[in-house]
């Protein structure tokens, strides 16, 4: 199986570690990059050559400094980053509008808390083997 590259952008360490652990269980050869907020993620991605960009980016909606939708909109305006596969994640109770906004930006959506089966199914849709 080929190497998979994932970036996790979330201000909660627990969520970052959960996504990391589950991703490592699903993909035997995975490279994980992490960022605590949108500004850090934007800076880290901006330093990478196009061939080193992650295949999948998990972006939390509620973060200090720059929320997930603001970060994604910035990615979509960037000629190199606009094609990234992004999963917006959120723990907002009534997230229908947020899900629609993510879809309008060409993103997947995952509501927190999520079950392992739900996460696994989403990954299989985002990155078919």
N, C-alpha and C. Protein backbone atom coordinates (compact mmCIF):
# COMPACT_ATOMS: atom_id res chain seq x y z
N UNK A 1 0.85 -1.19 0.00
CA UNK A 1 0.00 0.00 0.00
C UNK A 1 0.89 1.24 0.00
N UNK A 2 0.52 2.20 -0.80
CA UNK A 2 1.33 3.41 -0.89
C UNK A 2 1.15 4.31 0.33
N UNK A 3 2.10 5.20 0.50
CA UNK A 3 2.10 6.13 1.64
C UNK A 3 0.95 7.12 1.52
N UNK A 4 0.30 7.41 2.65
CA UNK A 4 -0.79 8.38 2.72
C UNK A 4 -0.32 9.54 3.57
N UNK A 5 -0.64 10.75 3.14
CA UNK A 5 -0.24 11.95 3.88
C UNK A 5 -1.51 12.70 4.33
N UNK A 6 -1.56 12.97 5.63
CA UNK A 6 -2.73 13.62 6.23
C UNK A 6 -2.27 14.78 7.09
N UNK A 7 -3.03 15.87 7.06
CA UNK A 7 -2.81 16.98 7.99
C UNK A 7 -4.06 17.14 8.84
N UNK A 8 -3.84 17.36 10.14
CA UNK A 8 -4.93 17.56 11.08
C UNK A 8 -4.79 18.95 11.67
N UNK A 9 -5.83 19.78 11.49
CA UNK A 9 -5.82 21.15 11.98
C UNK A 9 -6.94 21.27 13.01
N UNK A 10 -6.56 21.32 14.27
CA UNK A 10 -7.56 21.39 15.35
C UNK A 10 -6.88 21.95 16.58
N UNK A 11 -7.54 22.84 17.29
CA UNK A 11 -6.95 23.42 18.49
C UNK A 11 -7.04 22.49 19.70
N UNK A 12 -7.79 21.40 19.58
CA UNK A 12 -7.91 20.44 20.67
C UNK A 12 -6.94 19.27 20.44
N UNK A 13 -5.99 19.13 21.34
CA UNK A 13 -5.00 18.06 21.22
C UNK A 13 -5.66 16.68 21.21
N UNK A 14 -6.72 16.51 21.99
CA UNK A 14 -7.42 15.23 22.06
C UNK A 14 -7.95 14.83 20.68
N UNK A 15 -8.56 15.76 19.99
CA UNK A 15 -9.11 15.48 18.66
C UNK A 15 -7.99 15.19 17.67
N UNK A 16 -6.92 15.99 17.71
CA UNK A 16 -5.78 15.73 16.82
C UNK A 16 -5.24 14.32 17.03
N UNK A 17 -5.08 13.93 18.28
CA UNK A 17 -4.52 12.61 18.58
C UNK A 17 -5.47 11.48 18.19
N UNK A 18 -6.77 11.70 18.37
CA UNK A 18 -7.75 10.68 17.99
C UNK A 18 -7.71 10.44 16.48
N UNK A 19 -7.74 11.51 15.70
CA UNK A 19 -7.69 11.36 14.24
C UNK A 19 -6.36 10.73 13.82
N UNK A 20 -5.28 11.13 14.46
CA UNK A 20 -3.97 10.56 14.17
C UNK A 20 -3.96 9.06 14.45
N UNK A 21 -4.43 8.66 15.64
CA UNK A 21 -4.40 7.25 16.02
C UNK A 21 -5.26 6.39 15.09
N UNK A 22 -6.46 6.88 14.76
CA UNK A 22 -7.34 6.11 13.88
C UNK A 22 -6.76 6.04 12.47
N UNK A 23 -6.20 7.13 11.99
CA UNK A 23 -5.58 7.14 10.66
C UNK A 23 -4.42 6.16 10.59
N UNK A 24 -3.62 6.09 11.65
CA UNK A 24 -2.50 5.17 11.69
C UNK A 24 -2.97 3.71 11.74
N UNK A 25 -4.12 3.47 12.35
CA UNK A 25 -4.67 2.12 12.40
C UNK A 25 -5.21 1.69 11.02
N UNK A 26 -5.74 2.65 10.27
CA UNK A 26 -6.31 2.35 8.96
C UNK A 26 -5.23 2.25 7.88
N UNK A 27 -4.28 3.16 7.92
CA UNK A 27 -3.22 3.20 6.91
C UNK A 27 -1.89 2.82 7.56
N UNK A 28 -1.33 1.67 7.21
CA UNK A 28 -0.08 1.23 7.81
C UNK A 28 1.09 2.18 7.54
N UNK A 29 1.05 2.87 6.41
CA UNK A 29 2.13 3.78 6.05
C UNK A 29 1.55 5.19 5.86
N UNK A 30 1.37 5.89 6.98
CA UNK A 30 0.76 7.22 6.93
C UNK A 30 1.73 8.25 7.51
N UNK A 31 1.75 9.40 6.87
CA UNK A 31 2.52 10.53 7.38
C UNK A 31 1.50 11.55 7.90
N UNK A 32 1.67 11.95 9.15
CA UNK A 32 0.74 12.89 9.77
C UNK A 32 1.44 14.21 10.05
N UNK A 33 0.81 15.28 9.60
CA UNK A 33 1.24 16.63 9.94
C UNK A 33 0.13 17.21 10.81
N UNK A 34 0.51 18.03 11.79
CA UNK A 34 -0.51 18.62 12.66
C UNK A 34 -0.29 20.12 12.79
N UNK A 35 -1.41 20.82 13.00
CA UNK A 35 -1.37 22.25 13.28
C UNK A 35 -2.45 22.55 14.32
N UNK A 36 -2.15 23.48 15.21
CA UNK A 36 -3.08 23.81 16.30
C UNK A 36 -4.13 24.83 15.90
N UNK A 37 -3.93 25.50 14.76
CA UNK A 37 -4.91 26.49 14.32
C UNK A 37 -4.71 26.77 12.83
N UNK A 38 -5.62 27.55 12.28
CA UNK A 38 -5.59 27.82 10.86
C UNK A 38 -4.37 28.58 10.40
N UNK A 39 -3.89 29.49 11.21
CA UNK A 39 -2.73 30.30 10.83
C UNK A 39 -1.49 29.40 10.74
N UNK A 40 -1.32 28.53 11.73
CA UNK A 40 -0.19 27.59 11.71
C UNK A 40 -0.29 26.65 10.50
N UNK A 41 -1.48 26.16 10.21
CA UNK A 41 -1.68 25.27 9.06
C UNK A 41 -1.34 25.99 7.76
N UNK A 42 -1.84 27.19 7.60
CA UNK A 42 -1.58 27.97 6.38
C UNK A 42 -0.07 28.18 6.19
N UNK A 43 0.61 28.51 7.29
CA UNK A 43 2.05 28.74 7.21
C UNK A 43 2.82 27.46 6.86
N UNK A 44 2.44 26.35 7.50
CA UNK A 44 3.12 25.07 7.23
C UNK A 44 2.91 24.63 5.79
N UNK A 45 1.69 24.74 5.30
CA UNK A 45 1.39 24.33 3.93
C UNK A 45 2.07 25.24 2.92
N UNK A 46 2.15 26.52 3.24
CA UNK A 46 2.79 27.47 2.34
C UNK A 46 4.27 27.21 2.14
N UNK A 47 4.89 26.51 3.09
CA UNK A 47 6.32 26.21 3.01
C UNK A 47 6.61 24.92 2.23
N UNK A 48 5.57 24.12 1.97
CA UNK A 48 5.77 22.82 1.33
C UNK A 48 5.75 22.92 -0.19
N UNK A 49 6.62 22.16 -0.86
CA UNK A 49 6.48 22.06 -2.31
C UNK A 49 5.21 21.30 -2.65
N UNK A 50 4.66 21.53 -3.81
CA UNK A 50 3.37 20.95 -4.20
C UNK A 50 3.35 19.42 -4.04
N UNK A 51 4.46 18.76 -4.34
CA UNK A 51 4.48 17.29 -4.26
C UNK A 51 4.45 16.77 -2.82
N UNK A 52 4.68 17.63 -1.84
CA UNK A 52 4.66 17.22 -0.43
C UNK A 52 3.38 17.61 0.30
N UNK A 53 2.42 18.18 -0.42
CA UNK A 53 1.16 18.57 0.22
C UNK A 53 0.40 17.32 0.66
N UNK A 54 -0.31 17.40 1.78
CA UNK A 54 -1.08 16.24 2.24
C UNK A 54 -2.23 15.91 1.29
N UNK A 55 -2.57 14.62 1.25
CA UNK A 55 -3.69 14.18 0.42
C UNK A 55 -5.02 14.57 1.03
N UNK A 56 -5.09 14.52 2.36
CA UNK A 56 -6.33 14.81 3.07
C UNK A 56 -6.01 15.76 4.22
N UNK A 57 -6.85 16.79 4.38
CA UNK A 57 -6.68 17.70 5.52
C UNK A 57 -7.98 17.71 6.31
N UNK A 58 -7.87 17.44 7.59
CA UNK A 58 -9.00 17.55 8.51
C UNK A 58 -8.91 18.92 9.16
N UNK A 59 -9.96 19.72 9.02
CA UNK A 59 -9.96 21.09 9.54
C UNK A 59 -11.13 21.26 10.49
N UNK A 60 -10.82 21.61 11.73
CA UNK A 60 -11.87 21.91 12.70
C UNK A 60 -12.49 23.25 12.36
N UNK A 61 -13.78 23.38 12.63
CA UNK A 61 -14.46 24.65 12.35
C UNK A 61 -14.12 25.70 13.40
N UNK A 62 -14.26 25.36 14.67
CA UNK A 62 -14.08 26.34 15.73
C UNK A 62 -12.65 26.33 16.24
N UNK A 63 -11.88 27.37 15.82
CA UNK A 63 -10.50 27.53 16.27
C UNK A 63 -10.25 29.01 16.52
N UNK A 64 -9.35 29.32 17.44
CA UNK A 64 -9.02 30.73 17.68
C UNK A 64 -8.25 31.33 16.51
N UNK A 65 -8.45 32.60 16.26
CA UNK A 65 -7.69 33.32 15.24
C UNK A 65 -8.28 33.25 13.85
N UNK A 66 -8.63 32.07 13.41
CA UNK A 66 -9.18 31.86 12.07
C UNK A 66 -10.00 30.58 12.12
N UNK A 67 -11.28 30.69 11.82
CA UNK A 67 -12.09 29.46 11.87
C UNK A 67 -11.83 28.60 10.62
N UNK A 68 -12.34 27.38 10.66
CA UNK A 68 -12.09 26.44 9.59
C UNK A 68 -12.58 26.89 8.23
N UNK A 69 -13.75 27.53 8.18
CA UNK A 69 -14.26 28.00 6.88
C UNK A 69 -13.38 29.10 6.30
N UNK A 70 -12.87 29.98 7.16
CA UNK A 70 -11.96 31.04 6.68
C UNK A 70 -10.69 30.42 6.11
N UNK A 71 -10.17 29.41 6.79
CA UNK A 71 -8.97 28.72 6.31
C UNK A 71 -9.23 28.06 4.96
N UNK A 72 -10.34 27.35 4.85
CA UNK A 72 -10.67 26.65 3.61
C UNK A 72 -10.88 27.64 2.46
N UNK A 73 -11.55 28.75 2.73
CA UNK A 73 -11.75 29.77 1.69
C UNK A 73 -10.40 30.28 1.19
N UNK A 74 -9.45 30.46 2.11
CA UNK A 74 -8.10 30.87 1.72
C UNK A 74 -7.43 29.83 0.84
N UNK A 75 -7.58 28.55 1.20
CA UNK A 75 -7.03 27.47 0.38
C UNK A 75 -7.63 27.52 -1.02
N UNK A 76 -8.93 27.71 -1.11
CA UNK A 76 -9.62 27.66 -2.41
C UNK A 76 -9.22 28.83 -3.31
N UNK A 77 -8.70 29.91 -2.72
CA UNK A 77 -8.24 31.06 -3.51
C UNK A 77 -6.78 30.90 -3.97
N UNK A 78 -6.07 29.95 -3.40
CA UNK A 78 -4.65 29.75 -3.68
C UNK A 78 -4.48 28.77 -4.84
N UNK A 79 -3.70 29.15 -5.83
CA UNK A 79 -3.58 28.31 -7.03
C UNK A 79 -3.01 26.93 -6.73
N UNK A 80 -2.15 26.80 -5.74
CA UNK A 80 -1.55 25.50 -5.41
C UNK A 80 -2.43 24.71 -4.44
N UNK A 81 -3.05 25.38 -3.49
CA UNK A 81 -3.79 24.70 -2.43
C UNK A 81 -5.27 24.47 -2.76
N UNK A 82 -5.76 25.06 -3.84
CA UNK A 82 -7.20 25.02 -4.10
C UNK A 82 -7.76 23.62 -4.33
N UNK A 83 -6.92 22.68 -4.77
CA UNK A 83 -7.40 21.34 -5.06
C UNK A 83 -7.29 20.35 -3.90
N UNK A 84 -6.92 20.83 -2.74
CA UNK A 84 -6.75 19.93 -1.59
C UNK A 84 -8.06 19.23 -1.22
N UNK A 85 -7.95 17.98 -0.79
CA UNK A 85 -9.10 17.25 -0.27
C UNK A 85 -9.23 17.61 1.20
N UNK A 86 -10.35 18.21 1.56
CA UNK A 86 -10.53 18.72 2.92
C UNK A 86 -11.79 18.14 3.55
N UNK A 87 -11.67 17.78 4.82
CA UNK A 87 -12.80 17.34 5.61
C UNK A 87 -12.97 18.35 6.73
N UNK A 88 -14.07 19.09 6.73
CA UNK A 88 -14.38 20.02 7.80
C UNK A 88 -15.03 19.22 8.93
N UNK A 89 -14.52 19.41 10.14
CA UNK A 89 -15.08 18.71 11.30
C UNK A 89 -15.61 19.73 12.29
N UNK A 90 -16.71 19.39 12.93
CA UNK A 90 -17.31 20.33 13.87
C UNK A 90 -18.16 19.60 14.90
N UNK A 91 -18.14 20.15 16.10
CA UNK A 91 -18.97 19.63 17.18
C UNK A 91 -20.20 20.49 17.43
N UNK A 92 -20.47 21.44 16.55
CA UNK A 92 -21.66 22.29 16.70
C UNK A 92 -22.90 21.42 16.58
N UNK A 93 -23.80 21.58 17.53
CA UNK A 93 -24.98 20.71 17.59
C UNK A 93 -25.82 20.77 16.32
N UNK A 94 -26.24 21.97 15.92
CA UNK A 94 -27.05 22.11 14.71
C UNK A 94 -26.12 22.55 13.59
N UNK A 95 -25.56 21.58 12.88
CA UNK A 95 -24.51 21.88 11.92
C UNK A 95 -24.96 21.79 10.46
N UNK A 96 -26.25 21.80 10.22
CA UNK A 96 -26.73 21.68 8.83
C UNK A 96 -26.21 22.81 7.94
N UNK A 97 -26.24 24.05 8.44
CA UNK A 97 -25.75 25.18 7.65
C UNK A 97 -24.25 25.06 7.42
N UNK A 98 -23.53 24.60 8.43
CA UNK A 98 -22.09 24.41 8.31
C UNK A 98 -21.76 23.32 7.29
N UNK A 99 -22.54 22.26 7.30
CA UNK A 99 -22.35 21.17 6.33
C UNK A 99 -22.58 21.69 4.92
N UNK A 100 -23.62 22.51 4.73
CA UNK A 100 -23.90 23.09 3.41
C UNK A 100 -22.77 24.01 2.96
N UNK A 101 -22.23 24.79 3.91
CA UNK A 101 -21.11 25.69 3.58
C UNK A 101 -19.88 24.89 3.16
N UNK A 102 -19.62 23.79 3.87
CA UNK A 102 -18.48 22.93 3.52
C UNK A 102 -18.67 22.35 2.12
N UNK A 103 -19.86 21.85 1.86
CA UNK A 103 -20.14 21.28 0.54
C UNK A 103 -20.01 22.33 -0.56
N UNK A 104 -20.43 23.56 -0.28
CA UNK A 104 -20.31 24.64 -1.26
C UNK A 104 -18.85 24.94 -1.58
N UNK A 105 -17.97 24.66 -0.62
CA UNK A 105 -16.54 24.87 -0.83
C UNK A 105 -15.85 23.60 -1.34
N UNK A 106 -16.63 22.59 -1.67
CA UNK A 106 -16.07 21.36 -2.19
C UNK A 106 -15.39 20.50 -1.14
N UNK A 107 -15.92 20.52 0.08
CA UNK A 107 -15.33 19.77 1.18
C UNK A 107 -16.26 18.68 1.67
N UNK A 108 -15.68 17.71 2.34
CA UNK A 108 -16.42 16.69 3.06
C UNK A 108 -16.75 17.26 4.43
N UNK A 109 -17.67 16.64 5.14
CA UNK A 109 -18.05 17.12 6.47
C UNK A 109 -18.16 15.94 7.43
N UNK A 110 -17.65 16.13 8.63
CA UNK A 110 -17.72 15.10 9.66
C UNK A 110 -18.08 15.77 10.98
N UNK A 111 -19.17 15.29 11.57
CA UNK A 111 -19.65 15.86 12.83
C UNK A 111 -18.99 15.15 14.01
N UNK A 112 -18.49 15.94 14.96
CA UNK A 112 -17.91 15.40 16.20
C UNK A 112 -19.01 15.31 17.25
N UNK A 113 -18.99 14.36 18.13
CA UNK A 113 -18.09 13.21 18.12
C UNK A 113 -18.52 12.23 17.05
N UNK A 114 -17.57 11.51 16.52
CA UNK A 114 -17.88 10.55 15.46
C UNK A 114 -17.47 9.15 15.91
N UNK A 115 -18.18 8.17 15.38
CA UNK A 115 -17.87 6.77 15.67
C UNK A 115 -16.75 6.30 14.75
N UNK A 116 -16.01 5.32 15.20
CA UNK A 116 -14.92 4.77 14.41
C UNK A 116 -15.40 4.31 13.04
N UNK A 117 -16.55 3.65 12.99
CA UNK A 117 -17.09 3.16 11.72
C UNK A 117 -17.40 4.32 10.78
N UNK A 118 -17.92 5.40 11.31
CA UNK A 118 -18.24 6.58 10.50
C UNK A 118 -16.97 7.20 9.93
N UNK A 119 -15.94 7.31 10.76
CA UNK A 119 -14.66 7.87 10.32
C UNK A 119 -14.03 6.99 9.23
N UNK A 120 -14.05 5.70 9.45
CA UNK A 120 -13.49 4.74 8.49
C UNK A 120 -14.24 4.82 7.16
N UNK A 121 -15.56 4.88 7.21
CA UNK A 121 -16.37 4.99 5.99
C UNK A 121 -16.02 6.27 5.23
N UNK A 122 -15.90 7.38 5.96
CA UNK A 122 -15.57 8.65 5.32
C UNK A 122 -14.21 8.56 4.63
N UNK A 123 -13.23 7.99 5.31
CA UNK A 123 -11.90 7.86 4.70
C UNK A 123 -11.95 7.00 3.44
N UNK A 124 -12.75 5.96 3.46
CA UNK A 124 -12.85 5.11 2.26
C UNK A 124 -13.50 5.85 1.10
N UNK A 125 -14.37 6.80 1.40
CA UNK A 125 -14.99 7.61 0.34
C UNK A 125 -14.03 8.69 -0.14
N UNK A 126 -13.33 9.31 0.80
CA UNK A 126 -12.40 10.40 0.47
C UNK A 126 -11.21 9.86 -0.32
N UNK A 127 -10.71 8.71 0.11
CA UNK A 127 -9.53 8.13 -0.53
C UNK A 127 -9.77 6.63 -0.78
N UNK A 128 -10.45 6.31 -1.85
CA UNK A 128 -10.70 4.89 -2.16
C UNK A 128 -9.39 4.14 -2.33
N UNK A 129 -9.35 2.89 -1.85
CA UNK A 129 -8.10 2.11 -1.98
C UNK A 129 -7.99 1.44 -3.32
